[in-house]
Amino acid sequence: MESVKETIDVAVPVRTAYNQWTQFETFPQFMSGVESVTQLTDTTNHWVTRIGGVEREFDTEIVDQTPDERIAWRSVDGTSHAGLIHFTPLDAGNTRISVHFEWGPENLTEKAGAALNIDNMQVKSDMRKFKDFIESRGTETGAWRGDVDDTGPTGQAL
């Protein structure tokens, strides 16, 4: 398994940063290689990615989610990966976002990208794009404020 850890500070309140991150269908606006994300249920998403000329489709499930604190996910089919994004308020108007992402490269191109740290650079770039996206808007495009744990989701979209 390969792994990336990245942290960035954004100049928006924790609630705004967290709320935007729950809007998975906006990910193509700031994540390179993500063609689309379709939210299937409160806790499952279908992804289409194109990285290095290779298209992948897979589903993910949210396995742990606490508003304004964290979102953890794992793949349920296709590419093997899992991750955790953590939101830490720095003060009333600033938030630290930390992501830890693990995956299993499947082909030679993916293995070479991991070995050359291209994946790390891409995650760093995407986090900067998220920062630019949310700071330029100043507000989220929507929100889902539910909790998810091993018993399933509770809460509602706002």
Foldseek 3Di string as FASTA:
>chain_A
DFKAKDKDKAQAFLQQLQFQVQVQQCLVQQAAQWPGWADPDSFKIWTWGADPNDIWIWMKGFAWDARSFKTKMFTPDTWGKIKMWTWDGPDRGMIMIMIMMDTDDDDPVSVVCRVVVVVNVSVNRSVVSSSVVCNVVNGHPWGWRWTHHNVGIDGGTD
